[in-house]
Amino acid sequence: MDYPEDGVQTITFPWLAIMGGMIGLAFLTLQVDPLLQGFYRIPEEWFHPAINGAVLIWVAVLAFIDLRRYRRQLTRQREDVQRLRNRVREIWDSKKQLQRKAHTYSGHADKLKRFISDKLLDYIEYDEKFLHFKSIAAEVRHNGVISFDKVQTALQQAERAAQAEESMLDRESMEAALASMRYLWDLLDLSTADNLALHIGNLLCECEEHYYQQVLSNETNGNPYAVAYPPQRAALRALAQVSPEPLPALEEEGDYRHADNQWFVDLDPVHELLGNENHLVLLLENLLKNAQFFSRKRGYSSPFAPVALTLYEQQGHACLRVYNRGPHLRDEDRQNLFQLGFSTRRVQEHHGRGLGLYFVNEIVKGYEGQIAVRNISTPETQYTVRIQLENGEIITERVDVELQDDKPQCRLPGAEWDRSLEWTFAAPLVSLEVTTTGGDSRERTQRVDGIESRGKQQFFDPGQPERPRWRFTYQPKRNACSLSFEPLDISGVEFEVRLPTAQHRLESSELDGIEEFDAEVERLDAHFKAHAQDLG
């Protein structure tokens, strides 16, 4: 029997057993009362003993059916009652849980309201601080102009006085002080600008106009200020500001090379750049400070200079590269690297303010240049080492280099991997050549020069002096000479900045003008030809 899912099974009245019992009772009454038998004229066959047994069995079957149905209905009723009790209990528990959640969420809502109100107050306070900072910046800028003019005038007077023979003033110190004040003013001027890139771009437009006039008139002293400068000089000034030790000065115009335990510097003379020299000094100063910080990380020491600065010209652009040994830049930090306030210096003792790389990117955008950053990895490759001894013996060895646990390991064919390889010879070393045969190389051969007969000597890869891939250590002795080969770990980060030179800007502008002029001539020619055809 079907019953509602949410209802309780009812127990029906035992109609079958009652009706069967009444019929059986009436039949028995007819059998014991002759008057009723005569009145109803019941046939004699009904009173046969077999009929009596059948009636009793029939009544018993009806009673059994009703009893069985009663038991089933009672069982279902109990199950329904238990199910309803469980549902009531679940509803009660759910209600209690909802009450607890309501209390919890109400507490969270109160906390969220307090948090939002606190943040709103912080943002309101931040806006007020920002407006206050802008007003302070404007006032500092105004007072800075006045103070700068006074200090600059005093320094210029002192510089002119230092030129006199009887003066005891140091002319170089006066020039250095004046240059420092100008750099300080340019930094203040750039920091208080509303848009750094636009500020530099406007300055470049002014310098470009004066530069073109200078080129057309062949005059160099007619400009109110210097409109172009050599990037090599700016790079040396930036190095001087971040280097703890004084660097050798540029004696004459030409290539500048310097290498020590801190710096590798390779600066080629390139065409001049337009704009303010101090802007490029600020750009390089931030990149070099950043390189210094990460090159001092624990576990990244190197036998070569950990920071390298190179300058060269390529396709009308001054290319500056700053490399440092250190941890790789994480992929998740790349998109935020040049954002204001983002810093990769996340250590307890030092946390960056997120200004340096932001300034770098804005200066590059103002110059309409490009900046790229890439991780440098130690290559897995193969070298062929050719060793020539004084007795005429020539030894050729193949050396395999592979990274294991991010550290370079080397071995001879069939030998085990090791940090370095060592050879011992009876005769002194005369020449040493290394050919790169593995990886993406094109069998470049590097010859090691300057081998001496006495003293311990070290020779680094001359093919990549800014980040050498290998090092030889040679120890000549009377009875035996030792030579060891060691692959170097050069993993680090390199920033590359490309800025268009003044000459490139001039040539590209002239080319654009010629192309526009030719296009205009072709357009007019087509117009007149069409007009002539209409007249014809």
Protein backbone atom coordinates (compact mmCIF):
# COMPACT_ATOMS: atom_id res chain seq x y z
CA MET A 1 0.00 0.00 0.00
CA ASP A 2 1.35 3.39 -0.99
CA TYR A 3 1.44 6.18 1.52
CA PRO A 4 2.72 9.76 1.47
CA GLU A 5 6.44 10.16 1.95
CA ASP A 6 6.00 12.83 4.62
CA GLY A 7 2.99 11.13 6.31
CA VAL A 8 2.52 8.30 8.82
CA GLN A 9 1.06 4.92 7.89
CA THR A 10 -2.45 4.45 9.35
CA ILE A 11 -3.79 1.12 10.73
CA THR A 12 -7.07 0.16 9.01
CA PHE A 13 -10.07 -1.57 10.66
CA PRO A 14 -10.09 -5.46 10.32
CA TRP A 15 -13.22 -5.63 8.18
CA LEU A 16 -12.43 -9.00 6.63
CA ALA A 17 -12.00 -10.82 9.95
CA ILE A 18 -15.10 -9.19 11.48
CA MET A 19 -17.32 -9.93 8.51
CA GLY A 20 -15.99 -13.49 8.19
CA GLY A 21 -16.50 -14.10 11.92
CA MET A 22 -20.07 -12.80 11.80
CA ILE A 23 -20.87 -14.99 8.79
CA GLY A 24 -19.34 -18.04 10.53
CA LEU A 25 -21.27 -17.25 13.73
CA ALA A 26 -24.54 -17.00 11.76
CA PHE A 27 -23.82 -20.32 10.05
CA LEU A 28 -23.21 -22.02 13.40
CA THR A 29 -26.42 -20.49 14.79
CA LEU A 30 -28.41 -21.98 11.91
CA GLN A 31 -26.95 -25.38 12.65
CA VAL A 32 -27.97 -25.40 16.33
CA ASP A 33 -31.45 -23.81 15.94
CA PRO A 34 -33.99 -26.06 14.06
CA LEU A 35 -36.58 -23.27 13.95
CA LEU A 36 -34.27 -21.06 11.94
CA GLN A 37 -33.43 -23.94 9.66
CA GLY A 38 -37.14 -24.49 8.93
CA PHE A 39 -37.85 -20.78 8.57
CA TYR A 40 -35.06 -20.13 6.06
CA ARG A 41 -35.44 -23.53 4.37
CA ILE A 42 -31.71 -24.22 4.29
CA PRO A 43 -30.73 -27.28 2.28
CA GLU A 44 -29.50 -30.32 4.14
CA GLU A 45 -26.18 -30.31 2.25
CA TRP A 46 -25.09 -27.15 4.12
CA PHE A 47 -25.01 -29.04 7.37
CA HIS A 48 -22.48 -31.56 6.17
CA PRO A 49 -19.39 -31.78 8.47
CA ALA A 50 -17.07 -30.91 5.54
CA ILE A 51 -18.93 -27.64 5.05
CA ASN A 52 -18.45 -26.80 8.71
CA GLY A 53 -14.71 -27.37 8.42
CA ALA A 54 -14.51 -25.24 5.27
CA VAL A 55 -16.33 -22.37 6.98
CA LEU A 56 -13.98 -22.53 9.94
CA ILE A 57 -10.93 -22.56 7.63
CA TRP A 58 -12.36 -19.63 5.66
CA VAL A 59 -12.87 -17.58 8.85
CA ALA A 60 -9.34 -18.47 10.02
CA VAL A 61 -7.84 -17.37 6.66
CA LEU A 62 -9.64 -14.03 6.82
CA ALA A 63 -8.41 -13.52 10.38
CA PHE A 64 -4.84 -14.38 9.30
CA ILE A 65 -4.98 -11.93 6.39
CA ASP A 66 -6.17 -9.14 8.66
CA LEU A 67 -3.54 -10.00 11.26
CA ARG A 68 -0.77 -9.99 8.63
CA ARG A 69 -1.95 -6.66 7.24
CA TYR A 70 -2.09 -5.23 10.74
CA ARG A 71 1.49 -6.29 11.46
CA ARG A 72 2.77 -4.75 8.22
CA GLN A 73 0.89 -1.52 8.82
CA LEU A 74 2.16 -1.38 12.38
CA THR A 75 5.75 -1.87 11.20
CA ARG A 76 5.40 0.86 8.58
CA GLN A 77 3.80 3.15 11.09
CA ARG A 78 6.71 2.71 13.48
CA GLU A 79 9.21 3.35 10.63
CA ASP A 80 7.34 6.51 9.63
CA VAL A 81 7.25 7.73 13.20
CA GLN A 82 10.98 7.09 13.55
CA ARG A 83 11.65 8.84 10.24
CA LEU A 84 9.64 11.84 11.32
CA ARG A 85 11.46 11.92 14.63
CA ASN A 86 14.79 11.88 12.76
CA ARG A 87 13.63 14.69 10.51
CA VAL A 88 12.50 16.71 13.48
CA ARG A 89 15.89 16.10 15.10
CA GLU A 90 17.70 17.11 11.87
CA ILE A 91 15.59 20.24 11.55
CA TRP A 92 16.32 21.08 15.16
CA ASP A 93 20.06 20.52 14.67
CA SER A 94 19.98 22.55 11.45
CA LYS A 95 18.21 25.34 13.25
CA LYS A 96 20.85 25.30 15.96
CA GLN A 97 23.59 25.31 13.32
CA LEU A 98 21.94 28.22 11.52
CA GLN A 99 21.76 30.08 14.79
CA ARG A 100 25.46 29.46 15.41
CA LYS A 101 26.28 30.58 11.84
CA ALA A 102 24.13 33.64 12.29
CA HIS A 103 26.06 34.53 15.44
CA THR A 104 29.37 33.83 13.69
CA TYR A 105 28.48 35.79 10.55
CA SER A 106 27.14 38.65 12.59
CA GLY A 107 30.51 38.75 14.36
CA HIS A 108 32.30 38.61 11.00
CA ALA A 109 30.05 41.32 9.64
CA ASP A 110 30.93 43.52 12.59
CA LYS A 111 34.61 42.84 12.03
CA LEU A 112 34.24 43.55 8.31
CA LYS A 113 32.45 46.80 9.05
CA ARG A 114 35.23 47.82 11.40
CA PHE A 115 37.86 46.77 8.82
CA ILE A 116 36.16 48.73 6.02
CA SER A 117 35.77 51.76 8.23
CA ASP A 118 39.44 51.55 9.22
CA LYS A 119 40.51 51.20 5.58
CA LEU A 120 38.31 54.10 4.56
CA LEU A 121 39.93 56.17 7.24
CA ASP A 122 43.34 55.01 6.03
CA TYR A 123 42.52 55.90 2.42
CA ILE A 124 41.14 59.24 3.45
CA GLU A 125 44.26 59.80 5.50
CA TYR A 126 46.39 58.58 2.54
CA ASP A 127 44.67 61.03 0.19
CA GLU A 128 45.23 63.80 2.67
CA LYS A 129 48.86 62.75 3.03
CA PHE A 130 49.23 62.60 -0.76
CA LEU A 131 47.80 66.08 -1.19
CA HIS A 132 49.95 67.23 1.69
CA PHE A 133 52.98 65.63 0.05
CA LYS A 134 52.23 67.37 -3.25
CA SER A 135 52.00 70.70 -1.50
CA ILE A 136 55.25 69.97 0.33
CA ALA A 137 56.88 68.90 -2.94
CA ALA A 138 55.79 72.12 -4.61
CA GLU A 139 57.15 74.16 -1.72
CA VAL A 140 60.40 72.17 -1.66
CA ARG A 141 60.72 72.63 -5.39
CA HIS A 142 60.22 76.38 -5.07
CA ASN A 143 62.65 76.74 -2.18
CA GLY A 144 65.03 74.30 -3.87
CA VAL A 145 65.29 76.55 -6.91
CA ILE A 146 66.23 79.50 -4.72
CA SER A 147 68.71 77.50 -2.65
CA PHE A 148 70.22 75.86 -5.71
CA ASP A 149 70.76 79.22 -7.40
CA LYS A 150 72.50 80.56 -4.32
CA VAL A 151 74.75 77.51 -3.86
CA GLN A 152 75.50 77.31 -7.57
CA THR A 153 76.46 80.99 -7.67
CA ALA A 154 78.74 80.55 -4.66
CA LEU A 155 80.38 77.47 -6.15
CA GLN A 156 80.87 79.17 -9.50
CA GLN A 157 82.50 82.13 -7.80
CA ALA A 158 84.72 79.76 -5.81
CA GLU A 159 85.60 77.91 -9.00
CA ARG A 160 86.62 81.14 -10.73
CA ALA A 161 88.63 82.10 -7.69
CA ALA A 162 90.31 78.71 -7.71
CA GLN A 163 91.56 79.36 -11.21
CA ALA A 164 93.74 82.18 -9.90
CA GLU A 165 97.28 81.14 -9.11
CA GLU A 166 97.33 82.76 -5.70
CA SER A 167 94.15 80.98 -4.57
CA MET A 168 94.45 78.06 -2.18
CA LEU A 169 91.10 76.60 -3.19
CA ASP A 170 91.00 73.18 -4.83
CA ARG A 171 89.48 73.56 -8.27
CA GLU A 172 88.61 69.86 -8.62
CA SER A 173 86.75 69.80 -5.32
CA MET A 174 84.79 72.89 -6.38
CA GLU A 175 83.84 71.23 -9.66
CA ALA A 176 82.84 68.04 -7.83
CA ALA A 177 80.71 70.02 -5.37
CA LEU A 178 79.03 71.91 -8.20
CA ALA A 179 78.35 68.67 -10.09
CA SER A 180 76.90 67.11 -6.93
CA MET A 181 74.57 70.06 -6.41
CA ARG A 182 73.37 69.86 -10.01
CA TYR A 183 72.79 66.14 -9.65
CA LEU A 184 70.87 66.73 -6.41
CA TRP A 185 68.75 69.37 -8.08
CA ASP A 186 68.01 67.16 -11.10
CA LEU A 187 67.00 64.34 -8.78
CA LEU A 188 64.71 66.69 -6.84
CA ASP A 189 63.31 68.10 -10.07
CA LEU A 190 62.60 64.62 -11.41
CA SER A 191 61.14 63.32 -8.14
CA THR A 192 58.64 66.16 -7.82
CA ALA A 193 57.43 65.95 -11.43
CA ASP A 194 53.85 64.76 -11.94
CA ASN A 195 54.85 62.47 -14.82
CA LEU A 196 58.51 61.46 -15.02
CA ALA A 197 58.42 60.07 -18.56
CA LEU A 198 56.54 63.11 -19.90
CA HIS A 199 58.91 65.45 -18.07
CA ILE A 200 61.95 63.79 -19.67
CA GLY A 201 60.21 63.62 -23.06
CA ASN A 202 59.54 67.37 -23.01
CA LEU A 203 63.18 68.01 -22.12
CA LEU A 204 64.30 65.81 -25.04
CA CYS A 205 62.08 67.77 -27.43
CA GLU A 206 63.72 71.02 -26.34
CA CYS A 207 67.20 69.50 -26.58
CA GLU A 208 66.37 68.04 -29.99
CA GLU A 209 65.40 71.46 -31.34
CA HIS A 210 68.62 73.06 -30.06
CA TYR A 211 70.64 70.12 -31.34
CA TYR A 212 69.22 70.47 -34.86
CA GLN A 213 69.96 74.19 -34.83
CA GLN A 214 73.49 73.40 -33.68
CA VAL A 215 73.96 70.91 -36.52
CA LEU A 216 72.59 73.34 -39.11
CA SER A 217 74.65 76.31 -37.93
CA ASN A 218 77.79 74.30 -37.04
CA GLU A 219 77.96 76.14 -33.72
CA THR A 220 78.61 74.39 -30.41
CA ASN A 221 78.46 77.25 -27.89
CA GLY A 222 75.20 78.91 -28.83
CA ASN A 223 72.93 76.80 -26.60
CA PRO A 224 71.90 77.98 -23.14
CA TYR A 225 72.76 74.55 -21.71
CA ALA A 226 74.30 71.27 -22.83
CA VAL A 227 71.78 69.49 -25.04
CA ALA A 228 73.80 66.29 -25.56
CA TYR A 229 76.35 64.30 -23.60
CA PRO A 230 78.53 61.20 -24.02
CA PRO A 231 77.01 58.10 -22.34
CA GLN A 232 80.51 56.87 -21.48
CA ARG A 233 81.04 59.82 -19.15
CA ALA A 234 77.63 59.31 -17.52
CA ALA A 235 78.43 55.63 -16.93
CA LEU A 236 81.74 56.51 -15.24
CA ARG A 237 79.98 59.05 -13.02
CA ALA A 238 77.40 56.46 -11.98
CA LEU A 239 80.17 53.98 -11.17
CA ALA A 240 82.01 56.57 -9.11
CA GLN A 241 78.89 57.15 -6.98
CA VAL A 242 78.32 53.48 -6.10
CA SER A 243 81.90 52.19 -5.95
CA PRO A 244 83.46 52.15 -2.46
CA GLU A 245 86.92 52.51 -4.02
CA PRO A 246 87.90 55.18 -6.57
CA LEU A 247 88.09 53.91 -10.14
CA PRO A 248 90.75 54.86 -12.69
CA ALA A 249 89.87 57.98 -14.66
CA LEU A 250 89.37 58.03 -18.41
CA GLU A 251 92.70 59.37 -19.61
CA GLU A 252 91.80 59.89 -23.26
CA GLU A 253 88.85 59.39 -25.54
CA GLY A 254 88.51 55.75 -26.44
CA ASP A 255 87.62 52.42 -24.89
CA TYR A 256 87.49 52.20 -21.11
CA ARG A 257 88.38 48.82 -19.57
CA HIS A 258 88.61 48.01 -15.89
CA ALA A 259 88.33 44.79 -13.88
CA ASP A 260 88.78 44.07 -10.19
CA ASN A 261 87.17 41.85 -7.57
CA GLN A 262 83.98 43.97 -7.60
CA TRP A 263 83.53 45.45 -11.08
CA PHE A 264 84.02 44.51 -14.68
CA VAL A 265 83.65 47.63 -16.82
CA ASP A 266 83.77 47.72 -20.62
CA LEU A 267 82.68 51.08 -22.05
CA ASP A 268 82.98 51.84 -25.75
CA PRO A 269 82.80 55.42 -27.02
CA VAL A 270 79.36 55.86 -28.61
CA HIS A 271 77.44 58.75 -30.12
CA GLU A 272 75.97 61.34 -27.80
CA LEU A 273 72.54 61.16 -26.20
CA LEU A 274 70.12 64.05 -25.96
CA GLY A 275 68.80 65.32 -22.65
CA ASN A 276 70.19 65.68 -19.17
CA GLU A 277 73.25 63.61 -18.32
CA ASN A 278 72.16 63.27 -14.70
CA HIS A 279 69.08 61.33 -15.78
CA LEU A 280 71.25 58.58 -17.26
CA VAL A 281 73.48 58.72 -14.18
CA LEU A 282 70.40 58.15 -12.00
CA LEU A 283 69.28 55.26 -14.22
CA LEU A 284 72.64 53.50 -14.04
CA GLU A 285 73.09 54.25 -10.35
CA ASN A 286 69.84 52.45 -9.51
CA LEU A 287 70.70 49.46 -11.70
CA LEU A 288 74.21 49.20 -10.24
CA LYS A 289 72.96 49.47 -6.64
CA ASN A 290 70.41 46.77 -7.36
CA ALA A 291 73.15 44.59 -8.87
CA GLN A 292 75.41 45.17 -5.86
CA PHE A 293 72.68 44.13 -3.45
CA PHE A 294 71.86 40.82 -5.14
CA SER A 295 75.48 39.94 -5.93
CA ARG A 296 76.15 39.85 -2.17
CA LYS A 297 73.53 37.20 -1.52
CA ARG A 298 74.75 34.19 0.39
CA GLY A 299 75.67 31.26 -1.83
CA TYR A 300 76.43 33.34 -4.94
CA SER A 301 80.09 34.20 -4.44
CA SER A 302 82.25 34.00 -7.54
CA PRO A 303 85.96 34.16 -8.37
CA PHE A 304 85.28 36.85 -10.99
CA ALA A 305 83.75 40.32 -10.66
CA PRO A 306 80.11 39.85 -9.57
CA VAL A 307 78.87 43.03 -11.31
CA ALA A 308 79.54 43.88 -14.96
CA LEU A 309 78.71 47.09 -16.84
CA THR A 310 79.11 47.23 -20.62
CA LEU A 311 78.37 50.00 -23.11
CA TYR A 312 78.35 49.70 -26.90
CA GLU A 313 76.46 51.09 -29.87
CA GLN A 314 74.18 49.01 -32.07
CA GLN A 315 71.91 50.23 -34.89
CA GLY A 316 71.91 53.81 -33.69
CA HIS A 317 71.22 52.93 -30.06
CA ALA A 318 73.43 53.18 -27.01
CA CYS A 319 73.19 49.73 -25.39
CA LEU A 320 73.88 49.45 -21.67
CA ARG A 321 74.01 46.08 -19.94
CA VAL A 322 74.25 45.54 -16.19
CA TYR A 323 74.88 41.96 -15.08
CA ASN A 324 75.10 40.63 -11.55
CA ARG A 325 75.68 37.24 -10.01
CA GLY A 326 72.79 36.26 -7.84
CA PRO A 327 69.39 34.57 -7.69
CA HIS A 328 67.19 34.51 -10.76
CA LEU A 329 64.22 36.80 -11.10
CA ARG A 330 60.99 34.97 -10.34
CA ASP A 331 58.37 34.79 -13.10
CA GLU A 332 55.65 36.15 -10.82
CA ASP A 333 57.75 39.28 -10.16
CA ARG A 334 58.31 40.22 -13.80
CA GLN A 335 55.00 41.97 -14.40
CA ASN A 336 55.36 44.06 -11.23
CA LEU A 337 59.09 44.69 -11.49
CA PHE A 338 58.85 48.33 -12.65
CA GLN A 339 55.76 49.31 -10.69
CA LEU A 340 55.95 52.08 -8.12
CA GLY A 341 56.27 50.66 -4.61
CA PHE A 342 57.20 47.12 -5.71
CA SER A 343 60.55 45.87 -4.47
CA THR A 344 62.35 42.55 -4.84
CA ARG A 345 64.45 43.24 -1.73
CA ARG A 346 62.36 41.28 0.78
CA VAL A 347 64.65 40.60 3.71
CA GLN A 348 64.35 41.53 7.35
CA GLU A 349 67.46 43.67 7.48
CA HIS A 350 66.69 45.54 4.27
CA HIS A 351 63.48 46.22 2.40
CA GLY A 352 63.47 48.32 -0.75
CA ARG A 353 61.16 51.26 -1.22
CA GLY A 354 60.20 50.32 -4.77
CA LEU A 355 61.52 53.55 -6.34
CA GLY A 356 64.75 52.59 -8.11
CA LEU A 357 63.46 50.39 -10.93
CA TYR A 358 60.39 52.61 -11.27
CA PHE A 359 62.69 55.58 -11.95
CA VAL A 360 64.69 53.44 -14.39
CA ASN A 361 61.61 52.47 -16.37
CA GLU A 362 60.24 56.02 -16.46
CA ILE A 363 63.57 57.42 -17.68
CA VAL A 364 63.72 54.77 -20.42
CA LYS A 365 60.16 55.61 -21.49
CA GLY A 366 61.03 59.30 -21.54
CA TYR A 367 63.96 58.54 -23.86
CA GLU A 368 61.65 56.39 -26.04
CA GLY A 369 64.03 53.53 -25.41
CA GLN A 370 63.68 49.90 -24.42
CA ILE A 371 64.54 47.94 -21.30
CA ALA A 372 64.70 44.18 -20.93
CA VAL A 373 65.61 41.87 -18.07
CA ARG A 374 66.59 38.23 -18.44
CA ASN A 375 67.93 35.46 -16.28
CA ILE A 376 71.41 34.20 -17.13
CA SER A 377 71.96 30.46 -16.72
CA THR A 378 75.14 28.41 -16.67
CA PRO A 379 75.32 26.50 -19.98
CA GLU A 380 75.83 22.77 -20.31
CA THR A 381 78.45 22.36 -23.00
CA GLN A 382 81.62 20.60 -24.10
CA TYR A 383 85.18 21.90 -24.45
CA THR A 384 88.24 20.66 -26.26
CA VAL A 385 91.40 21.61 -24.35
CA ARG A 386 94.70 21.67 -26.26
CA ILE A 387 97.80 21.76 -24.04
CA GLN A 388 101.27 22.26 -25.46
CA LEU A 389 104.32 21.66 -23.26
CA GLU A 390 107.84 22.98 -23.50
CA ASN A 391 109.22 19.58 -24.54
CA GLY A 392 106.98 19.60 -27.64
CA GLU A 393 104.34 17.25 -26.26
CA ILE A 394 100.75 18.15 -27.18
CA ILE A 395 97.83 16.89 -25.10
CA THR A 396 94.23 17.19 -26.27
CA GLU A 397 91.40 16.47 -23.84
CA ARG A 398 87.64 16.63 -24.22
CA VAL A 399 85.85 18.03 -21.18
CA ASP A 400 82.10 17.66 -20.62
CA VAL A 401 80.26 20.18 -18.44
CA GLU A 402 76.86 19.45 -16.93
CA LEU A 403 74.67 20.98 -14.23
CA GLN A 404 74.03 18.87 -11.15
CA ASP A 405 71.98 20.43 -8.36
CA ASP A 406 72.26 23.72 -10.29
CA LYS A 407 76.06 23.60 -9.97
CA PRO A 408 78.43 22.97 -12.91
CA GLN A 409 80.34 19.68 -12.84
CA CYS A 410 82.97 18.47 -15.31
CA ARG A 411 84.55 15.19 -16.34
CA LEU A 412 86.73 13.52 -18.93
CA PRO A 413 85.05 10.93 -21.19
CA GLY A 414 84.22 7.84 -19.14
CA ALA A 415 85.26 9.39 -15.82
CA GLU A 416 83.14 10.50 -12.87
CA TRP A 417 81.74 13.98 -12.44
CA ASP A 418 83.77 16.35 -10.30
CA ARG A 419 83.98 20.04 -9.44
CA SER A 420 87.29 20.43 -11.32
CA LEU A 421 89.88 18.53 -13.34
CA GLU A 422 93.63 18.49 -12.78
CA TRP A 423 96.61 17.49 -14.89
CA THR A 424 100.26 17.11 -13.87
CA PHE A 425 103.12 17.53 -16.35
CA ALA A 426 106.85 17.07 -16.11
CA ALA A 427 107.52 19.97 -18.52
CA PRO A 428 106.29 23.56 -18.21
CA LEU A 429 103.26 24.80 -20.09
CA VAL A 430 103.82 26.76 -23.31
CA SER A 431 100.37 27.36 -24.79
CA LEU A 432 96.77 26.63 -23.89
CA GLU A 433 93.74 26.69 -26.18
CA VAL A 434 90.09 26.00 -25.40
CA THR A 435 87.50 25.31 -28.10
CA THR A 436 83.80 25.27 -27.28
CA THR A 437 82.29 22.36 -29.19
CA GLY A 438 79.06 21.67 -27.32
CA GLY A 439 75.75 23.46 -26.99
CA ASP A 440 74.90 26.23 -29.45
CA SER A 441 78.53 27.21 -30.03
CA ARG A 442 80.22 27.39 -33.41
CA GLU A 443 83.57 25.93 -32.32
CA ARG A 444 85.01 29.17 -30.98
CA THR A 445 88.65 28.77 -29.99
CA GLN A 446 90.09 30.89 -27.19
CA ARG A 447 93.83 31.12 -26.71
CA VAL A 448 95.18 31.80 -23.23
CA ASP A 449 97.98 34.35 -23.28
CA GLY A 450 100.42 35.56 -20.66
CA ILE A 451 101.63 32.19 -19.37
CA GLU A 452 104.69 32.72 -17.18
CA SER A 453 107.28 30.28 -15.93
CA ARG A 454 106.97 31.19 -12.25
CA GLY A 455 104.24 31.75 -9.73
CA LYS A 456 100.67 30.58 -9.43
CA GLN A 457 98.50 31.94 -12.22
CA GLN A 458 94.79 32.05 -13.04
CA PHE A 459 93.31 32.38 -16.51
CA PHE A 460 89.64 33.17 -17.13
CA ASP A 461 87.58 32.74 -20.28
CA PRO A 462 88.71 35.58 -22.60
CA GLY A 463 85.71 35.08 -24.86
CA GLN A 464 83.28 36.33 -22.19
CA PRO A 465 85.31 38.42 -19.75
CA GLU A 466 82.18 39.94 -18.14
CA ARG A 467 81.00 36.48 -17.01
CA PRO A 468 83.68 33.85 -17.75
CA ARG A 469 82.47 30.29 -18.13
CA TRP A 470 85.70 28.60 -16.98
CA ARG A 471 88.96 29.15 -15.12
CA PHE A 472 92.39 27.53 -15.42
CA THR A 473 94.82 27.52 -12.50
CA TYR A 474 98.46 26.92 -13.41
CA GLN A 475 101.19 26.19 -10.85
CA PRO A 476 104.67 25.76 -12.41
CA LYS A 477 107.22 23.87 -10.31
CA ARG A 478 110.71 22.52 -10.85
CA ASN A 479 109.83 18.83 -11.00
CA ALA A 480 106.13 18.89 -11.87
CA CYS A 481 103.67 21.49 -13.15
CA SER A 482 99.98 21.29 -12.31
CA LEU A 483 97.07 22.62 -14.36
CA SER A 484 93.44 22.55 -13.20
CA PHE A 485 90.23 23.32 -15.08
CA GLU A 486 87.08 24.54 -13.31
CA PRO A 487 83.70 25.42 -14.90
CA LEU A 488 82.23 28.54 -13.32
CA ASP A 489 78.68 29.22 -12.24
CA ILE A 490 77.52 32.37 -14.06
CA SER A 491 73.84 32.28 -13.12
CA GLY A 492 72.46 35.74 -12.45
CA VAL A 493 70.33 38.55 -13.86
CA GLU A 494 71.07 41.03 -16.63
CA PHE A 495 69.32 44.31 -17.42
CA GLU A 496 69.69 45.71 -20.93
CA VAL A 497 68.78 49.31 -21.78
CA ARG A 498 68.69 50.64 -25.35
CA LEU A 499 68.46 54.41 -25.87
CA PRO A 500 68.42 56.14 -29.29
CA THR A 501 71.40 58.40 -29.88
CA ALA A 502 71.10 62.02 -30.99
CA GLN A 503 72.54 61.13 -34.41
CA HIS A 504 69.99 58.35 -34.84
CA ARG A 505 67.16 60.73 -33.94
CA LEU A 506 68.42 63.23 -36.49
CA GLU A 507 68.78 60.66 -39.27
CA SER A 508 65.44 58.98 -38.57
CA SER A 509 63.68 62.38 -38.56
CA GLU A 510 65.24 63.30 -41.90
CA LEU A 511 64.28 59.93 -43.34
CA ASP A 512 60.72 60.29 -42.13
CA GLY A 513 60.55 63.74 -43.71
CA ILE A 514 61.85 62.44 -47.04
CA GLU A 515 59.36 59.57 -47.04
CA GLU A 516 56.49 61.92 -46.24
CA PHE A 517 57.64 64.31 -48.99
CA ASP A 518 57.86 61.50 -51.56
CA ALA A 519 54.40 60.26 -50.60
CA GLU A 520 52.99 63.77 -51.00
CA VAL A 521 54.62 64.12 -54.45
CA GLU A 522 53.14 60.80 -55.56
CA ARG A 523 49.72 61.82 -54.31
CA LEU A 524 49.81 65.15 -56.18
CA ASP A 525 51.13 63.46 -59.31
CA ALA A 526 48.26 60.96 -59.28
CA HIS A 527 45.78 63.81 -58.75
CA PHE A 528 47.07 65.81 -61.73
CA LYS A 529 47.16 62.73 -63.98
CA ALA A 530 43.54 61.98 -63.19
CA HIS A 531 42.63 65.62 -63.85
CA ALA A 532 44.46 65.53 -67.23
CA GLN A 533 42.59 62.39 -68.25
CA ASP A 534 39.28 64.06 -67.44
CA LEU A 535 40.20 67.06 -69.61
CA GLY A 536 41.34 64.81 -72.45
